[in-house]
Protein backbone atom coordinates (compact mmCIF):
# COMPACT_ATOMS: atom_id res chain seq x y z
CA MET A 1 0.00 0.00 0.00
CA CYS A 2 1.17 3.49 -0.85
CA ALA A 3 -0.29 6.57 0.84
CA TRP A 4 -0.08 10.05 -0.61
CA TYR A 5 -0.33 12.68 2.07
CA ILE A 6 -2.49 15.52 0.78
CA ASN A 7 -2.56 18.25 3.40
CA SER A 8 -1.77 19.06 6.98
CA LYS A 9 -5.34 19.54 8.17
CA CYS A 10 -5.92 17.92 11.56
CA LEU A 11 -7.84 14.67 11.47
CA ILE A 12 -11.21 14.68 13.20
CA PHE A 13 -10.88 10.99 13.97
CA ASP A 14 -8.24 9.06 15.84
CA PHE A 15 -6.13 6.96 13.49
CA GLN A 16 -6.91 3.35 14.37
CA THR A 17 -4.27 0.68 13.89
CA THR A 18 -5.98 -2.57 14.67
CA SER A 19 -7.37 -5.81 13.27
CA MET A 20 -11.06 -6.57 13.61
CA THR A 21 -13.89 -8.54 12.01
CA LYS A 22 -16.38 -7.01 9.58
CA THR A 23 -19.18 -7.27 12.13
CA GLU A 24 -17.17 -5.43 14.76
CA LEU A 25 -16.07 -2.76 12.31
CA ARG A 26 -19.56 -2.33 10.88
CA GLN A 27 -20.97 -1.49 14.29
CA ILE A 28 -18.13 0.88 15.23
CA TYR A 29 -18.04 2.82 11.98
CA LYS A 30 -21.81 3.12 11.62
CA GLU A 31 -21.77 4.85 15.00
CA LYS A 32 -18.81 7.03 14.00
CA ARG A 33 -20.60 8.17 10.85
CA LEU A 34 -23.88 8.84 12.61
CA ALA A 35 -22.02 11.07 15.07
CA LEU A 36 -20.97 13.43 12.27
CA SER A 37 -22.78 16.74 11.88
CA GLN A 38 -24.13 17.83 8.51
CA HIS A 39 -21.49 20.54 8.40
CA GLN A 40 -18.73 17.97 8.93
CA ILE A 41 -20.16 15.70 6.23
CA GLU A 42 -20.20 18.55 3.71
CA ASP A 43 -16.65 19.68 4.52
CA LEU A 44 -15.18 16.16 4.50
CA SER A 45 -17.04 15.19 1.32
CA LEU A 46 -15.74 18.29 -0.44
CA ASP A 47 -12.17 17.40 0.62
CA ILE A 48 -12.63 13.90 -0.79
CA ALA A 49 -13.97 15.27 -4.08
CA ASN A 50 -11.04 17.68 -4.39
CA HIS A 51 -8.52 14.88 -3.79
CA LEU A 52 -10.20 12.74 -6.44
CA LEU A 53 -9.22 15.37 -9.01
CA ALA A 54 -5.58 14.38 -8.42
CA LEU A 55 -6.12 10.80 -9.59
CA ASP A 56 -5.03 9.75 -13.06
CA VAL A 57 -8.48 8.57 -14.16
CA TRP A 58 -9.96 11.54 -15.94
CA ASP A 59 -9.15 10.24 -19.42
CA LYS A 60 -11.75 7.49 -18.85
CA LYS A 61 -15.28 7.70 -20.24
CA PHE A 62 -17.79 5.75 -18.15
CA PHE A 63 -17.93 6.49 -14.41
CA HIS A 64 -20.24 4.66 -12.02
CA ILE A 65 -21.23 6.70 -8.97
CA PHE A 66 -23.36 5.87 -5.93
CA LEU A 67 -26.09 8.30 -4.92
CA THR A 68 -25.79 9.32 -1.27
CA ILE A 69 -28.14 7.84 1.33
CA ASP A 70 -28.57 10.88 3.56
CA LYS A 71 -30.01 9.05 6.57
CA LEU A 72 -26.90 6.82 6.73
CA LYS A 73 -24.63 9.87 6.53
CA GLU A 74 -22.68 8.55 3.57
CA VAL A 75 -20.07 10.56 1.71
CA ASP A 76 -21.93 13.29 -0.20
CA THR A 77 -21.22 12.49 -3.85
CA SER A 78 -22.94 15.61 -5.21
CA PHE A 79 -19.56 17.41 -5.36
CA LEU A 80 -18.08 14.55 -7.37
CA LEU A 81 -21.17 14.46 -9.56
CA HIS A 82 -20.71 18.11 -10.49
CA ALA A 83 -17.05 17.46 -11.33
CA LEU A 84 -18.00 14.57 -13.62
CA MET A 85 -20.64 16.66 -15.35
CA GLY A 86 -18.16 19.48 -15.83
CA LYS A 87 -15.78 17.07 -17.54
CA ASP A 88 -18.56 15.71 -19.82
CA LYS A 89 -18.18 12.15 -18.58
CA HIS A 90 -20.75 9.40 -19.02
CA ILE A 91 -22.20 8.98 -15.52
CA VAL A 92 -23.86 5.72 -14.52
CA VAL A 93 -26.11 5.08 -11.49
CA SER A 94 -27.73 1.90 -10.20
CA LYS A 95 -31.08 0.48 -9.21
CA THR A 96 -31.18 -2.51 -6.84
CA ASP A 97 -33.45 -5.54 -7.12
CA PHE A 98 -33.61 -6.71 -3.51
CA LYS A 99 -35.41 -9.97 -4.36
CA GLN A 100 -32.85 -11.04 -6.95
CA GLU A 101 -30.00 -9.30 -5.06
CA THR A 102 -28.77 -7.69 -8.27
CA MET A 103 -28.05 -4.18 -9.53
CA THR A 104 -29.06 -2.68 -12.88
CA HIS A 105 -27.14 0.31 -14.18
CA PHE A 106 -28.48 3.34 -16.04
CA LEU A 107 -26.95 6.31 -17.84
CA LEU A 108 -27.58 9.53 -15.91
CA THR A 109 -29.31 11.89 -18.34
CA ASP A 110 -31.20 15.17 -17.92
CA ASP A 111 -34.56 13.40 -18.07
CA LEU A 112 -33.68 10.42 -15.85
CA LYS A 113 -36.08 10.35 -12.90
CA ILE A 114 -34.47 9.69 -9.51
CA LYS A 115 -36.60 8.87 -6.47
CA PRO A 116 -36.00 7.16 -3.09
CA ASN A 117 -36.95 3.49 -2.93
CA ALA A 118 -38.68 1.85 0.05
CA PHE A 119 -35.36 1.88 1.95
CA GLY A 120 -34.68 5.57 1.28
CA ILE A 121 -32.01 4.86 -1.36
CA PRO A 122 -32.09 7.32 -4.31
CA GLU A 123 -32.51 5.29 -7.49
CA PRO A 124 -33.40 5.78 -11.16
CA GLU A 125 -36.92 4.69 -12.10
CA ASP A 126 -35.90 3.61 -15.60
CA GLY A 127 -33.67 4.75 -18.42
CA ILE A 128 -30.86 3.77 -20.79
CA GLU A 129 -29.32 0.60 -19.39
CA ILE A 130 -25.53 0.36 -19.41
CA ALA A 131 -23.73 -3.01 -19.41
CA VAL A 132 -21.13 -3.41 -16.67
CA ASP A 133 -18.39 -4.18 -19.19
CA ARG A 134 -18.60 -0.57 -20.41
CA LEU A 135 -17.65 0.86 -17.02
CA ASP A 136 -14.14 2.28 -16.64
CA VAL A 137 -14.26 3.64 -13.07
CA VAL A 138 -16.48 2.71 -10.11
CA PHE A 139 -16.72 4.86 -6.99
CA VAL A 140 -17.42 2.45 -4.15
CA PRO A 141 -19.33 3.24 -0.92
CA LEU A 142 -18.00 1.77 2.31
CA LEU A 143 -17.84 2.14 6.07
CA VAL A 144 -14.12 1.50 6.47
CA ALA A 145 -11.27 -0.20 4.59
CA ASP A 146 -8.00 -1.79 5.61
CA LYS A 147 -4.44 -1.20 4.44
CA ARG A 148 -4.68 -4.00 1.86
CA GLY A 149 -7.68 -2.53 0.04
CA HIS A 150 -10.41 -4.67 1.55
CA ARG A 151 -13.61 -2.87 2.50
CA VAL A 152 -16.49 -3.18 4.93
CA GLY A 153 -19.89 -2.32 3.46
CA TYR A 154 -23.35 -3.00 4.81
CA GLY A 155 -22.96 -6.76 4.64
CA LYS A 156 -25.30 -7.67 1.76
CA GLY A 157 -22.60 -8.22 -0.86
CA TYR A 158 -24.24 -6.19 -3.63
CA TYR A 159 -21.08 -4.32 -4.60
CA ASP A 160 -18.88 -7.42 -4.45
CA ARG A 161 -21.21 -9.20 -6.88
CA PHE A 162 -21.41 -6.10 -9.08
CA LEU A 163 -17.65 -5.52 -9.16
CA SER A 164 -16.90 -9.18 -9.83
CA ASN A 165 -18.89 -8.85 -13.08
CA CYS A 166 -17.01 -5.75 -14.24
CA ARG A 167 -13.97 -5.86 -16.52
CA ALA A 168 -10.73 -6.93 -14.87
CA ASP A 169 -9.23 -3.49 -15.54
CA VAL A 170 -12.10 -1.45 -14.06
CA ILE A 171 -10.73 1.08 -11.55
CA LYS A 172 -12.33 0.69 -8.11
CA ILE A 173 -12.12 3.78 -5.90
CA GLY A 174 -13.43 3.65 -2.33
CA LEU A 175 -14.64 6.84 -0.64
CA SER A 176 -14.40 7.05 3.15
CA PHE A 177 -14.47 9.62 5.93
CA PHE A 178 -12.02 7.45 7.88
CA GLU A 179 -8.42 6.36 7.48
CA PRO A 180 -7.87 2.61 6.92
CA ILE A 181 -7.31 0.17 9.77
CA ASP A 182 -4.50 -2.40 9.74
CA GLN A 183 -6.52 -5.46 8.77
CA ILE A 184 -10.03 -6.81 8.32
CA THR A 185 -9.62 -10.32 9.66
CA ASP A 186 -12.52 -12.19 8.01
CA ILE A 187 -11.94 -11.66 4.30
CA PHE A 188 -13.77 -14.00 1.93
CA GLU A 189 -12.72 -15.34 -1.45
CA ASN A 190 -15.39 -13.35 -3.32
CA ASP A 191 -14.48 -10.03 -1.66
CA VAL A 192 -13.27 -7.56 -4.31
CA LYS A 193 -10.38 -5.30 -3.35
CA LEU A 194 -10.20 -1.60 -4.01
CA ASP A 195 -7.54 -0.06 -6.25
CA TRP A 196 -7.68 3.28 -4.46
CA LEU A 197 -9.08 4.65 -1.21
CA VAL A 198 -9.69 8.38 -0.92
CA THR A 199 -10.26 10.00 2.49
CA PRO A 200 -10.45 13.67 3.44
CA ASN A 201 -6.71 13.65 4.16
CA GLN A 202 -4.99 11.06 1.98
CA ILE A 203 -5.08 8.99 -1.19
CA TYR A 204 -4.17 5.33 -0.72
CA TYR A 205 -3.10 3.12 -3.62
CA PHE A 206 -3.22 -0.65 -3.23
């Protein structure tokens, strides 16, 4: 793992160097995120978006982005969304089928209707479907990652299944408010590693 130090701004969170299971980490980092104020979320998300501009990915065409679930206090991707639009990139968003446990991906256009589903997740109603093999870059939501590029999500495996169907060269970029821990101890064979992790203070390359 290589870390690029971006700035000297003080970290809000203690840097944790430890090894824990996904279940333990999920509980801890859900609580950490819920403790953030809206002002903190906006500031930290803007820092993450600014650091993303330093990555060597902007020659790519198709970018998959997750739409923020406000009630879970996820990274606000609206800043990143504006950057992608300003660079005239093809932006792709997903709709989840919870019965089939699959995700369908749609091109974000001016007339694409976005509305919260039954779980409060913003999703497209319908639109131009994009095959996963067309994606060049995927921005990945997570709670926390470790120093080897493994991530802890919400435990349903949707993104692992989605990423495993993407091209082998797709660039996987995790977005997190928190610095990585030493190790997630219960990694499974089908877990897909990140290529990059971007936090408010650093860029990590795995």
